[in-house]
Amino acid sequence: TDGNGDQISYAYDDQNRVTEITQGGQKTKVSYQVNSDGSTTTSVTDANGHVKQETASASGSVTTTSDLGDGSESITTKYTYDDRGNKISEVYANGAKKTYEYNSRNLVTKTQSYDKEGTKTLISRYRYDDYGQLLEMTDYRVSSETETAYRYTEYTYDQGGRITAFAEISQNTQPTADDIKAHQIRYTYNEDGNLSKVSYPTTKDGIQSLSYIYDENGWLQEIKGELYSKGQTTEKVLRSYTYDAYGKVKEIKDYRNLLKDSDQAVQKVYIYDNFDRVKEMIYTDLETGKVMESYQYSYDKNSNITKKTQVNNYPKEDADKVNETKVYTYDTLG
């Protein structure tokens, strides 16, 4: 029985598989068919008569998924596998397909995409380290059987397997070490394993890096930005967080106009009900003291939102400002 008093009941077959779900007088039916090749087709018919089917081989690999809708048109995707259970192809409803190749460790080394006429259009190749971590992905466009690289993606890791650098380079030649460095986003972590810094490969005015500061509970307390402007680098707080005793976010401050040496901020306050659901959000411009945006929520016993009141005072013209209430109702299926 759910929060609104509606009962949910289930029926099972002799193999303890669900065959029917009834909620608020609406039924979803599930049927199973064992095929001659040992595969099983599961059909799910919802209360509106829409049917979805999934066929799985005797080993449990899904070979076909179909959305039959109301029966007038179906959308089917088919899958095939190698003898190790790796998916080697998927064929879409429009006739297009994608194939997969693997190494001896069952890691994808190559994917190829074909259009509905069977013409190869895209290739992606993957390279790994000895630990199975992806080091490089190269994407190619294919035209008249000619492969042209157009994107290289490079990854590096620390001894704990955490990503420490990522670079995506759009060019048609193998990137050099300098190319990679010029496009690399770098990640560092603190002794607790939390992300502590992200550094960006920029030489323009703006944010060069983000630092993440945590409190003694491991909760994110501040995000600081290293800002580069007119040949000088300064560190500014971009966002700060405060929490209640239970770890729920109580307040967020977002600072703005940082390159202009401003302390302007928007304060976002979150108020919760006794069930830890957000009851109210209030966004205040601390420079003017004006509430710029607010939301109020009411819920039913199933925690569905039944009413939302929204105020938006950001537009300059009164006619463009928002002050509206929306009411939501739900059927027994939610």
C-alpha atoms as a PDB file:
ATOM      1  CA  THR A   1       0.000   0.000   0.000  1.00  0.00           C
ATOM      2  CA  ASP A   2       1.494   3.353  -1.039  1.00  0.00           C
ATOM      3  CA  GLY A   3       1.282   6.694   0.767  1.00  0.00           C
ATOM      4  CA  ASN A   4      -2.078   7.517  -0.814  1.00  0.00           C
ATOM      5  CA  GLY A   5      -3.631   4.246   0.290  1.00  0.00           C
ATOM      6  CA  ASP A   6      -3.552   2.575  -3.141  1.00  0.00           C
ATOM      7  CA  GLN A   7      -2.688  -1.089  -3.033  1.00  0.00           C
ATOM      8  CA  ILE A   8      -0.104  -2.669  -5.313  1.00  0.00           C
ATOM      9  CA  SER A   9      -0.499  -6.394  -5.912  1.00  0.00           C
ATOM     10  CA  TYR A  10       1.608  -8.886  -7.839  1.00  0.00           C
ATOM     11  CA  ALA A  11       0.833 -12.218  -9.489  1.00  0.00           C
ATOM     12  CA  TYR A  12       3.446 -14.879 -10.246  1.00  0.00           C
ATOM     13  CA  ASP A  13       3.738 -17.998 -12.387  1.00  0.00           C
ATOM     14  CA  ASP A  14       4.963 -21.414 -11.237  1.00  0.00           C
ATOM     15  CA  GLN A  15       8.571 -20.284 -11.810  1.00  0.00           C
ATOM     16  CA  ASN A  16       8.091 -17.341  -9.429  1.00  0.00           C
ATOM     17  CA  ARG A  17       8.199 -14.815 -12.273  1.00  0.00           C
ATOM     18  CA  VAL A  18       5.982 -11.725 -12.124  1.00  0.00           C
ATOM     19  CA  THR A  19       3.032 -12.032 -14.525  1.00  0.00           C
ATOM     20  CA  GLU A  20       0.809  -9.157 -13.407  1.00  0.00           C
ATOM     21  CA  ILE A  21       1.105  -5.908 -11.461  1.00  0.00           C
ATOM     22  CA  THR A  22      -2.076  -4.180 -10.320  1.00  0.00           C
ATOM     23  CA  GLN A  23      -2.019  -0.653  -8.923  1.00  0.00           C
ATOM     24  CA  GLY A  24      -5.119   1.436  -8.384  1.00  0.00           C
ATOM     25  CA  GLY A  25      -7.156  -0.768 -10.689  1.00  0.00           C
ATOM     26  CA  GLN A  26      -4.630  -0.477 -13.549  1.00  0.00           C
ATOM     27  CA  LYS A  27      -2.864  -3.621 -14.686  1.00  0.00           C
ATOM     28  CA  THR A  28       0.494  -4.301 -16.278  1.00  0.00           C
ATOM     29  CA  LYS A  29       0.814  -7.807 -17.682  1.00  0.00           C
ATOM     30  CA  VAL A  30       4.021  -9.752 -18.218  1.00  0.00           C
ATOM     31  CA  SER A  31       4.257 -12.902 -20.324  1.00  0.00           C
ATOM     32  CA  TYR A  32       7.131 -15.253 -21.127  1.00  0.00           C
ATOM     33  CA  GLN A  33       7.699 -17.425 -24.173  1.00  0.00           C
ATOM     34  CA  VAL A  34      10.463 -20.006 -24.539  1.00  0.00           C
ATOM     35  CA  ASN A  35      11.543 -20.217 -28.172  1.00  0.00           C
ATOM     36  CA  SER A  36      12.831 -23.239 -30.089  1.00  0.00           C
ATOM     37  CA  ASP A  37      16.451 -22.019 -29.861  1.00  0.00           C
ATOM     38  CA  GLY A  38      16.262 -21.846 -26.061  1.00  0.00           C
ATOM     39  CA  SER A  39      15.866 -18.082 -25.902  1.00  0.00           C
ATOM     40  CA  THR A  40      13.118 -16.435 -23.855  1.00  0.00           C
ATOM     41  CA  THR A  41      10.945 -13.529 -24.989  1.00  0.00           C
ATOM     42  CA  THR A  42       9.485 -11.360 -22.239  1.00  0.00           C
ATOM     43  CA  SER A  43       6.511  -9.164 -23.175  1.00  0.00           C
ATOM     44  CA  VAL A  44       5.282  -6.312 -20.981  1.00  0.00           C
ATOM     45  CA  THR A  45       1.867  -4.802 -21.726  1.00  0.00           C
ATOM     46  CA  ASP A  46       1.021  -1.662 -19.774  1.00  0.00           C
ATOM     47  CA  ALA A  47      -2.423  -0.405 -18.774  1.00  0.00           C
ATOM     48  CA  ASN A  48      -2.703   1.515 -22.059  1.00  0.00           C
ATOM     49  CA  GLY A  49      -2.053  -1.572 -24.159  1.00  0.00           C
ATOM     50  CA  HIS A  50       1.478  -0.583 -25.177  1.00  0.00           C
ATOM     51  CA  VAL A  51       3.820  -3.546 -25.534  1.00  0.00           C
ATOM     52  CA  LYS A  52       7.569  -3.837 -25.016  1.00  0.00           C
ATOM     53  CA  GLN A  53       9.447  -7.060 -25.718  1.00  0.00           C
ATOM     54  CA  GLU A  54      12.900  -8.327 -24.861  1.00  0.00           C
ATOM     55  CA  THR A  55      14.426 -11.575 -26.072  1.00  0.00           C
ATOM     56  CA  ALA A  56      17.372 -13.087 -24.205  1.00  0.00           C
ATOM     57  CA  SER A  57      19.457 -16.084 -25.201  1.00  0.00           C
ATOM     58  CA  ALA A  58      19.780 -19.167 -23.036  1.00  0.00           C
ATOM     59  CA  SER A  59      22.939 -17.614 -21.553  1.00  0.00           C
ATOM     60  CA  GLY A  60      21.035 -14.464 -20.586  1.00  0.00           C
ATOM     61  CA  SER A  61      22.386 -12.082 -23.250  1.00  0.00           C
ATOM     62  CA  VAL A  62      19.732  -9.747 -24.651  1.00  0.00           C
ATOM     63  CA  THR A  63      19.445 -10.368 -28.405  1.00  0.00           C
ATOM     64  CA  THR A  64      16.420  -8.223 -29.301  1.00  0.00           C
ATOM     65  CA  THR A  65      14.552  -5.294 -27.777  1.00  0.00           C
ATOM     66  CA  SER A  66      11.309  -4.095 -29.343  1.00  0.00           C
ATOM     67  CA  ASP A  67       8.962  -1.249 -28.538  1.00  0.00           C
ATOM     68  CA  LEU A  68       5.722  -2.309 -30.228  1.00  0.00           C
ATOM     69  CA  GLY A  69       3.713   0.640 -28.933  1.00  0.00           C
ATOM     70  CA  ASP A  70       0.043   0.112 -29.720  1.00  0.00           C
ATOM     71  CA  GLY A  71       0.918  -2.444 -32.413  1.00  0.00           C
ATOM     72  CA  SER A  72       0.798  -0.097 -35.401  1.00  0.00           C
ATOM     73  CA  GLU A  73       4.576   0.331 -35.567  1.00  0.00           C
ATOM     74  CA  SER A  74       7.534  -1.287 -33.853  1.00  0.00           C
ATOM     75  CA  ILE A  75      11.069  -0.123 -33.098  1.00  0.00           C
ATOM     76  CA  THR A  76      13.476  -3.039 -32.827  1.00  0.00           C
ATOM     77  CA  THR A  77      17.185  -3.250 -32.014  1.00  0.00           C
ATOM     78  CA  LYS A  78      19.070  -6.537 -32.453  1.00  0.00           C
ATOM     79  CA  TYR A  79      22.297  -7.606 -30.744  1.00  0.00           C
ATOM     80  CA  THR A  80      24.826 -10.373 -31.410  1.00  0.00           C
ATOM     81  CA  TYR A  81      27.659 -11.664 -29.206  1.00  0.00           C
ATOM     82  CA  ASP A  82      30.885 -13.615 -29.500  1.00  0.00           C
ATOM     83  CA  ASP A  83      31.514 -16.885 -27.666  1.00  0.00           C
ATOM     84  CA  ARG A  84      32.861 -14.949 -24.650  1.00  0.00           C
ATOM     85  CA  GLY A  85      29.653 -12.979 -24.231  1.00  0.00           C
ATOM     86  CA  ASN A  86      30.960  -9.714 -25.675  1.00  0.00           C
ATOM     87  CA  LYS A  87      28.496  -7.733 -27.771  1.00  0.00           C
ATOM     88  CA  ILE A  88      29.842  -7.614 -31.333  1.00  0.00           C
ATOM     89  CA  SER A  89      27.015  -5.874 -33.164  1.00  0.00           C
ATOM     90  CA  GLU A  90      23.837  -3.909 -32.730  1.00  0.00           C
ATOM     91  CA  VAL A  91      21.450  -3.310 -35.612  1.00  0.00           C
ATOM     92  CA  TYR A  92      18.958  -0.463 -35.309  1.00  0.00           C
ATOM     93  CA  ALA A  93      15.408  -0.181 -36.574  1.00  0.00           C
ATOM     94  CA  ASN A  94      16.412   2.018 -39.520  1.00  0.00           C
ATOM     95  CA  GLY A  95      18.987  -0.530 -40.735  1.00  0.00           C
ATOM     96  CA  ALA A  96      22.065   1.282 -39.434  1.00  0.00           C
ATOM     97  CA  LYS A  97      24.448  -0.768 -37.303  1.00  0.00           C
ATOM     98  CA  LYS A  98      27.497  -0.642 -35.065  1.00  0.00           C
ATOM     99  CA  THR A  99      30.111  -3.377 -34.612  1.00  0.00           C
ATOM    100  CA  TYR A 100      32.593  -4.020 -31.794  1.00  0.00           C
ATOM    101  CA  GLU A 101      35.990  -5.744 -31.641  1.00  0.00           C
ATOM    102  CA  TYR A 102      37.821  -6.856 -28.475  1.00  0.00           C
ATOM    103  CA  ASN A 103      41.268  -7.883 -27.288  1.00  0.00           C
ATOM    104  CA  SER A 104      42.125 -10.979 -25.271  1.00  0.00           C
ATOM    105  CA  ARG A 105      41.082  -9.163 -22.077  1.00  0.00           C
ATOM    106  CA  ASN A 106      37.594  -8.490 -23.484  1.00  0.00           C
ATOM    107  CA  LEU A 107      38.241  -4.753 -23.761  1.00  0.00           C
ATOM    108  CA  VAL A 108      36.783  -2.919 -26.747  1.00  0.00           C
ATOM    109  CA  THR A 109      39.555  -2.086 -29.228  1.00  0.00           C
ATOM    110  CA  LYS A 110      37.516  -0.924 -32.209  1.00  0.00           C
ATOM    111  CA  THR A 111      33.991   0.157 -33.087  1.00  0.00           C
ATOM    112  CA  GLN A 112      32.646   0.731 -36.592  1.00  0.00           C
ATOM    113  CA  SER A 113      29.413   2.490 -37.532  1.00  0.00           C
ATOM    114  CA  TYR A 114      27.471   1.889 -40.745  1.00  0.00           C
ATOM    115  CA  ASP A 115      24.523   3.723 -42.249  1.00  0.00           C
ATOM    116  CA  LYS A 116      21.348   1.948 -43.374  1.00  0.00           C
ATOM    117  CA  GLU A 117      22.857   1.266 -46.827  1.00  0.00           C
ATOM    118  CA  GLY A 118      25.752  -0.597 -45.195  1.00  0.00           C
ATOM    119  CA  THR A 119      28.341   2.113 -45.868  1.00  0.00           C
ATOM    120  CA  LYS A 120      30.969   2.509 -43.182  1.00  0.00           C
ATOM    121  CA  THR A 121      30.879   6.053 -41.772  1.00  0.00           C
ATOM    122  CA  LEU A 122      32.809   6.149 -38.474  1.00  0.00           C
ATOM    123  CA  ILE A 123      35.552   4.198 -36.725  1.00  0.00           C
ATOM    124  CA  SER A 124      36.858   4.505 -33.165  1.00  0.00           C
ATOM    125  CA  ARG A 125      40.003   2.750 -31.931  1.00  0.00           C
ATOM    126  CA  TYR A 126      40.934   2.264 -28.259  1.00  0.00           C
ATOM    127  CA  ARG A 127      44.275   1.647 -26.528  1.00  0.00           C
ATOM    128  CA  TYR A 128      44.759   0.522 -22.902  1.00  0.00           C
ATOM    129  CA  ASP A 129      47.525   0.192 -20.332  1.00  0.00           C
ATOM    130  CA  ASP A 130      48.488  -3.033 -18.560  1.00  0.00           C
ATOM    131  CA  TYR A 131      45.765  -2.428 -15.966  1.00  0.00           C
ATOM    132  CA  GLY A 132      42.975  -2.182 -18.522  1.00  0.00           C
ATOM    133  CA  GLN A 133      42.665   1.578 -18.193  1.00  0.00           C
ATOM    134  CA  LEU A 134      41.788   3.468 -21.362  1.00  0.00           C
ATOM    135  CA  LEU A 135      44.789   5.520 -22.515  1.00  0.00           C
ATOM    136  CA  GLU A 136      43.748   6.726 -25.934  1.00  0.00           C
ATOM    137  CA  MET A 137      40.686   6.867 -28.146  1.00  0.00           C
ATOM    138  CA  THR A 138      40.985   7.936 -31.778  1.00  0.00           C
ATOM    139  CA  ASP A 139      37.924   8.751 -33.877  1.00  0.00           C
ATOM    140  CA  TYR A 140      37.905   8.583 -37.671  1.00  0.00           C
ATOM    141  CA  ARG A 141      35.492   9.602 -40.384  1.00  0.00           C
ATOM    142  CA  VAL A 142      35.274   7.185 -43.296  1.00  0.00           C
ATOM    143  CA  SER A 143      34.616   8.227 -46.873  1.00  0.00           C
ATOM    144  CA  SER A 144      35.088   5.863 -49.833  1.00  0.00           C
ATOM    145  CA  GLU A 145      36.981   3.479 -47.513  1.00  0.00           C
ATOM    146  CA  THR A 146      39.439   6.272 -46.615  1.00  0.00           C
ATOM    147  CA  GLU A 147      39.883   6.829 -42.879  1.00  0.00           C
ATOM    148  CA  THR A 148      40.563  10.362 -41.672  1.00  0.00           C
ATOM    149  CA  ALA A 149      41.260  10.971 -37.998  1.00  0.00           C
ATOM    150  CA  TYR A 150      39.400  13.928 -36.564  1.00  0.00           C
ATOM    151  CA  ARG A 151      39.620  13.570 -32.784  1.00  0.00           C
ATOM    152  CA  TYR A 152      42.119  12.175 -30.283  1.00  0.00           C
ATOM    153  CA  THR A 153      41.247  11.674 -26.624  1.00  0.00           C
ATOM    154  CA  GLU A 154      44.055  10.987 -24.147  1.00  0.00           C
ATOM    155  CA  TYR A 155      43.874   9.820 -20.502  1.00  0.00           C
ATOM    156  CA  THR A 156      46.438   9.417 -17.694  1.00  0.00           C
ATOM    157  CA  TYR A 157      45.958   7.906 -14.235  1.00  0.00           C
ATOM    158  CA  ASP A 158      47.596   7.779 -10.829  1.00  0.00           C
ATOM    159  CA  GLN A 159      48.562   4.591  -8.983  1.00  0.00           C
ATOM    160  CA  GLY A 160      45.069   4.387  -7.509  1.00  0.00           C
ATOM    161  CA  GLY A 161      43.487   4.269 -10.941  1.00  0.00           C
ATOM    162  CA  ARG A 162      42.087   7.785 -10.654  1.00  0.00           C
ATOM    163  CA  ILE A 163      42.182   9.935 -13.749  1.00  0.00           C
ATOM    164  CA  THR A 164      44.820  12.654 -13.433  1.00  0.00           C
ATOM    165  CA  ALA A 165      44.695  14.169 -16.910  1.00  0.00           C
ATOM    166  CA  PHE A 166      42.324  14.287 -19.858  1.00  0.00           C
ATOM    167  CA  ALA A 167      42.835  15.866 -23.269  1.00  0.00           C
ATOM    168  CA  GLU A 168      40.529  16.010 -26.283  1.00  0.00           C
ATOM    169  CA  ILE A 169      42.275  17.211 -29.429  1.00  0.00           C
ATOM    170  CA  SER A 170      40.489  17.863 -32.708  1.00  0.00           C
ATOM    171  CA  GLN A 171      43.058  17.336 -35.463  1.00  0.00           C
ATOM    172  CA  ASN A 172      43.867  14.756 -38.145  1.00  0.00           C
ATOM    173  CA  THR A 173      47.437  13.892 -37.101  1.00  0.00           C
ATOM    174  CA  GLN A 174      48.757  12.016 -34.076  1.00  0.00           C
ATOM    175  CA  PRO A 175      49.205  14.641 -31.322  1.00  0.00           C
ATOM    176  CA  THR A 176      52.648  15.313 -29.919  1.00  0.00           C
ATOM    177  CA  ALA A 177      53.386  15.567 -26.208  1.00  0.00           C
ATOM    178  CA  ASP A 178      53.205  19.350 -26.554  1.00  0.00           C
ATOM    179  CA  ASP A 179      49.821  19.095 -28.296  1.00  0.00           C
ATOM    180  CA  ILE A 180      48.478  16.968 -25.475  1.00  0.00           C
ATOM    181  CA  LYS A 181      49.847  19.277 -22.780  1.00  0.00           C
ATOM    182  CA  ALA A 182      48.282  22.298 -24.490  1.00  0.00           C
ATOM    183  CA  HIS A 183      44.835  20.681 -24.319  1.00  0.00           C
ATOM    184  CA  GLN A 184      45.137  18.812 -21.031  1.00  0.00           C
ATOM    185  CA  ILE A 185      42.776  19.166 -18.101  1.00  0.00           C
ATOM    186  CA  ARG A 186      44.577  17.952 -14.961  1.00  0.00           C
ATOM    187  CA  TYR A 187      43.080  16.535 -11.760  1.00  0.00           C
ATOM    188  CA  THR A 188      44.610  16.244  -8.282  1.00  0.00           C
ATOM    189  CA  TYR A 189      43.204  14.624  -5.144  1.00  0.00           C
ATOM    190  CA  ASN A 190      43.617  15.083  -1.401  1.00  0.00           C
ATOM    191  CA  GLU A 191      44.689  12.390   1.046  1.00  0.00           C
ATOM    192  CA  ASP A 192      41.060  11.340   1.525  1.00  0.00           C
ATOM    193  CA  GLY A 193      40.680  10.685  -2.185  1.00  0.00           C
ATOM    194  CA  ASN A 194      38.470  13.706  -2.806  1.00  0.00           C
ATOM    195  CA  LEU A 195      39.042  15.820  -5.895  1.00  0.00           C
ATOM    196  CA  SER A 196      41.036  18.837  -4.724  1.00  0.00           C
ATOM    197  CA  LYS A 197      41.995  20.680  -7.899  1.00  0.00           C
ATOM    198  CA  VAL A 198      41.177  20.881 -11.605  1.00  0.00           C
ATOM    199  CA  SER A 199      43.607  22.807 -13.816  1.00  0.00           C
ATOM    200  CA  TYR A 200      42.646  24.052 -17.281  1.00  0.00           C
ATOM    201  CA  PRO A 201      44.903  24.632 -20.312  1.00  0.00           C
ATOM    202  CA  THR A 202      44.045  28.271 -20.883  1.00  0.00           C
ATOM    203  CA  THR A 203      46.206  31.280 -21.628  1.00  0.00           C
ATOM    204  CA  LYS A 204      43.321  33.740 -21.852  1.00  0.00           C
ATOM    205  CA  ASP A 205      41.761  35.863 -19.139  1.00  0.00           C
ATOM    206  CA  GLY A 206      39.527  33.705 -16.986  1.00  0.00           C
ATOM    207  CA  ILE A 207      39.671  30.707 -14.671  1.00  0.00           C
ATOM    208  CA  GLN A 208      42.917  28.727 -14.825  1.00  0.00           C
ATOM    209  CA  SER A 209      42.040  26.238 -12.101  1.00  0.00           C
ATOM    210  CA  LEU A 210      39.418  25.264  -9.539  1.00  0.00           C
ATOM    211  CA  SER A 211      40.275  24.185  -5.987  1.00  0.00           C
ATOM    212  CA  TYR A 212      37.864  22.217  -3.804  1.00  0.00           C
ATOM    213  CA  ILE A 213      37.979  22.738  -0.025  1.00  0.00           C
ATOM    214  CA  TYR A 214      36.322  20.255   2.352  1.00  0.00           C
ATOM    215  CA  ASP A 215      35.409  20.441   6.037  1.00  0.00           C
ATOM    216  CA  GLU A 216      36.219  17.849   8.703  1.00  0.00           C
ATOM    217  CA  ASN A 217      33.199  15.784   7.640  1.00  0.00           C
ATOM    218  CA  GLY A 218      34.416  15.576   4.060  1.00  0.00           C
ATOM    219  CA  TRP A 219      31.623  17.894   2.884  1.00  0.00           C
ATOM    220  CA  LEU A 220      32.485  20.358   0.154  1.00  0.00           C
ATOM    221  CA  GLN A 221      32.899  23.769   1.785  1.00  0.00           C
ATOM    222  CA  GLU A 222      34.324  26.075  -0.878  1.00  0.00           C
ATOM    223  CA  ILE A 223      35.223  26.163  -4.538  1.00  0.00           C
ATOM    224  CA  LYS A 224      38.023  28.602  -5.275  1.00  0.00           C
ATOM    225  CA  GLY A 225      39.092  29.777  -8.693  1.00  0.00           C
ATOM    226  CA  GLU A 226      42.544  30.827  -9.796  1.00  0.00           C
ATOM    227  CA  LEU A 227      41.768  33.791 -12.043  1.00  0.00           C
ATOM    228  CA  TYR A 228      44.097  35.168 -14.673  1.00  0.00           C
ATOM    229  CA  SER A 229      43.517  38.735 -15.837  1.00  0.00           C
ATOM    230  CA  LYS A 230      45.820  41.303 -17.439  1.00  0.00           C
ATOM    231  CA  GLY A 231      48.952  39.332 -16.625  1.00  0.00           C
ATOM    232  CA  GLN A 232      48.077  38.769 -12.961  1.00  0.00           C
ATOM    233  CA  THR A 233      46.782  35.708 -11.140  1.00  0.00           C
ATOM    234  CA  THR A 234      44.531  35.928  -8.075  1.00  0.00           C
ATOM    235  CA  GLU A 235      42.514  33.378  -6.115  1.00  0.00           C
ATOM    236  CA  LYS A 236      38.829  34.023  -5.448  1.00  0.00           C
ATOM    237  CA  VAL A 237      36.022  32.083  -3.786  1.00  0.00           C
ATOM    238  CA  LEU A 238      33.523  31.147  -6.494  1.00  0.00           C
ATOM    239  CA  ARG A 239      31.067  29.243  -4.334  1.00  0.00           C
ATOM    240  CA  SER A 240      30.647  28.382  -0.656  1.00  0.00           C
ATOM    241  CA  TYR A 241      28.423  25.854   1.107  1.00  0.00           C
ATOM    242  CA  THR A 242      26.943  25.529   4.595  1.00  0.00           C
ATOM    243  CA  TYR A 243      25.123  22.461   5.901  1.00  0.00           C
ATOM    244  CA  ASP A 244      22.723  21.522   8.643  1.00  0.00           C
ATOM    245  CA  ALA A 245      23.594  18.945  11.298  1.00  0.00           C
ATOM    246  CA  TYR A 246      22.406  16.131   9.016  1.00  0.00           C
ATOM    247  CA  GLY A 247      24.567  17.053   6.039  1.00  0.00           C
ATOM    248  CA  LYS A 248      21.844  18.670   3.953  1.00  0.00           C
ATOM    249  CA  VAL A 249      22.841  21.807   2.068  1.00  0.00           C
ATOM    250  CA  LYS A 250      21.463  24.806   3.945  1.00  0.00           C
ATOM    251  CA  GLU A 251      23.024  27.643   1.980  1.00  0.00           C
ATOM    252  CA  ILE A 252      25.043  28.203  -1.185  1.00  0.00           C
ATOM    253  CA  LYS A 253      26.699  31.479  -2.117  1.00  0.00           C
ATOM    254  CA  ASP A 254      27.660  32.045  -5.746  1.00  0.00           C
ATOM    255  CA  TYR A 255      30.062  34.942  -6.276  1.00  0.00           C
ATOM    256  CA  ARG A 256      30.102  36.917  -9.527  1.00  0.00           C
ATOM    257  CA  ASN A 257      32.012  39.597 -11.449  1.00  0.00           C
ATOM    258  CA  LEU A 258      35.212  38.144 -10.031  1.00  0.00           C
ATOM    259  CA  LEU A 259      37.478  39.629 -12.686  1.00  0.00           C
ATOM    260  CA  LYS A 260      36.250  43.069 -11.623  1.00  0.00           C
ATOM    261  CA  ASP A 261      37.375  42.455  -8.022  1.00  0.00           C
ATOM    262  CA  SER A 262      33.765  42.350  -6.847  1.00  0.00           C
ATOM    263  CA  ASP A 263      32.290  40.572  -3.828  1.00  0.00           C
ATOM    264  CA  GLN A 264      28.799  40.444  -5.309  1.00  0.00           C
ATOM    265  CA  ALA A 265      27.022  37.169  -4.608  1.00  0.00           C
ATOM    266  CA  VAL A 266      23.726  35.365  -4.845  1.00  0.00           C
ATOM    267  CA  GLN A 267      22.699  33.569  -1.664  1.00  0.00           C
ATOM    268  CA  LYS A 268      20.673  30.390  -2.170  1.00  0.00           C
ATOM    269  CA  VAL A 269      18.829  29.187   0.938  1.00  0.00           C
ATOM    270  CA  TYR A 270      17.242  25.728   1.144  1.00  0.00           C
ATOM    271  CA  ILE A 271      14.462  24.853   3.614  1.00  0.00           C
ATOM    272  CA  TYR A 272      13.347  21.253   4.182  1.00  0.00           C
ATOM    273  CA  ASP A 273      10.264  19.590   5.611  1.00  0.00           C
ATOM    274  CA  ASN A 274      10.263  16.826   8.233  1.00  0.00           C
ATOM    275  CA  PHE A 275      10.850  14.221   5.508  1.00  0.00           C
ATOM    276  CA  ASP A 276      13.997  15.951   4.163  1.00  0.00           C
ATOM    277  CA  ARG A 277      12.187  17.135   1.047  1.00  0.00           C
ATOM    278  CA  VAL A 278      13.003  20.615  -0.243  1.00  0.00           C
ATOM    279  CA  LYS A 279      10.119  22.830   0.846  1.00  0.00           C
ATOM    280  CA  GLU A 280      11.473  26.195  -0.205  1.00  0.00           C
ATOM    281  CA  MET A 281      14.411  27.682  -2.129  1.00  0.00           C
ATOM    282  CA  ILE A 282      15.158  31.403  -1.918  1.00  0.00           C
ATOM    283  CA  TYR A 283      17.777  33.147  -4.085  1.00  0.00           C
ATOM    284  CA  THR A 284      18.762  36.603  -2.814  1.00  0.00           C
ATOM    285  CA  ASP A 285      21.047  39.184  -4.406  1.00  0.00           C
ATOM    286  CA  LEU A 286      23.265  40.153  -1.460  1.00  0.00           C
ATOM    287  CA  GLU A 287      24.231  43.442  -3.087  1.00  0.00           C
ATOM    288  CA  THR A 288      20.635  44.722  -3.181  1.00  0.00           C
ATOM    289  CA  GLY A 289      18.986  42.430  -0.622  1.00  0.00           C
ATOM    290  CA  LYS A 290      16.311  41.625  -3.188  1.00  0.00           C
ATOM    291  CA  VAL A 291      14.873  38.135  -3.617  1.00  0.00           C
ATOM    292  CA  MET A 292      15.556  37.361  -7.265  1.00  0.00           C
ATOM    293  CA  GLU A 293      14.125  33.873  -7.423  1.00  0.00           C
ATOM    294  CA  SER A 294      12.137  31.587  -5.127  1.00  0.00           C
ATOM    295  CA  TYR A 295      10.394  28.224  -5.212  1.00  0.00           C
ATOM    296  CA  GLN A 296       7.889  26.643  -2.830  1.00  0.00           C
ATOM    297  CA  TYR A 297       6.833  22.998  -3.000  1.00  0.00           C
ATOM    298  CA  SER A 298       4.022  20.879  -1.569  1.00  0.00           C
ATOM    299  CA  TYR A 299       3.993  17.078  -1.722  1.00  0.00           C
ATOM    300  CA  ASP A 300       1.556  14.199  -1.436  1.00  0.00           C
ATOM    301  CA  LYS A 301       2.145  11.153   0.759  1.00  0.00           C
ATOM    302  CA  ASN A 302       4.173   9.502  -2.022  1.00  0.00           C
ATOM    303  CA  SER A 303       6.495  12.542  -2.213  1.00  0.00           C
ATOM    304  CA  ASN A 304       5.112  13.587  -5.587  1.00  0.00           C
ATOM    305  CA  ILE A 305       5.082  17.370  -6.032  1.00  0.00           C
ATOM    306  CA  THR A 306       1.467  18.567  -5.873  1.00  0.00           C
ATOM    307  CA  LYS A 307       2.075  22.313  -6.017  1.00  0.00           C
ATOM    308  CA  LYS A 308       4.966  24.516  -7.093  1.00  0.00           C
ATOM    309  CA  THR A 309       5.049  28.290  -6.686  1.00  0.00           C
ATOM    310  CA  GLN A 310       7.789  30.042  -8.635  1.00  0.00           C
ATOM    311  CA  VAL A 311       8.905  33.677  -8.525  1.00  0.00           C
ATOM    312  CA  ASN A 312      11.493  35.034 -10.967  1.00  0.00           C
ATOM    313  CA  ASN A 313      12.471  38.690 -10.621  1.00  0.00           C
ATOM    314  CA  TYR A 314      15.510  38.621 -12.908  1.00  0.00           C
ATOM    315  CA  PRO A 315      13.846  40.230 -15.978  1.00  0.00           C
ATOM    316  CA  LYS A 316      14.028  44.031 -15.982  1.00  0.00           C
ATOM    317  CA  GLU A 317      10.517  44.495 -17.339  1.00  0.00           C
ATOM    318  CA  ASP A 318       7.678  43.690 -14.932  1.00  0.00           C
ATOM    319  CA  ALA A 319       5.756  42.026 -17.757  1.00  0.00           C
ATOM    320  CA  ASP A 320       8.570  39.486 -18.161  1.00  0.00           C
ATOM    321  CA  LYS A 321       8.794  38.578 -14.480  1.00  0.00           C
ATOM    322  CA  VAL A 322       7.304  35.311 -13.258  1.00  0.00           C
ATOM    323  CA  ASN A 323       4.998  34.729 -10.307  1.00  0.00           C
ATOM    324  CA  GLU A 324       3.042  31.575 -10.909  1.00  0.00           C
ATOM    325  CA  THR A 325       1.692  28.506  -9.164  1.00  0.00           C
ATOM    326  CA  LYS A 326       1.371  25.123 -10.827  1.00  0.00           C
ATOM    327  CA  VAL A 327      -0.753  22.302  -9.405  1.00  0.00           C
ATOM    328  CA  TYR A 328      -0.010  18.661 -10.251  1.00  0.00           C
ATOM    329  CA  THR A 329      -2.299  15.644  -9.992  1.00  0.00           C
ATOM    330  CA  TYR A 330      -1.319  12.016 -10.468  1.00  0.00           C
ATOM    331  CA  ASP A 331      -3.019   8.778 -11.377  1.00  0.00           C
ATOM    332  CA  THR A 332      -2.496   5.616  -9.373  1.00  0.00           C
ATOM    333  CA  LEU A 333       0.628   4.785 -11.384  1.00  0.00           C
ATOM    334  CA  GLY A 334       2.265   8.050 -10.341  1.00  0.00           C
END
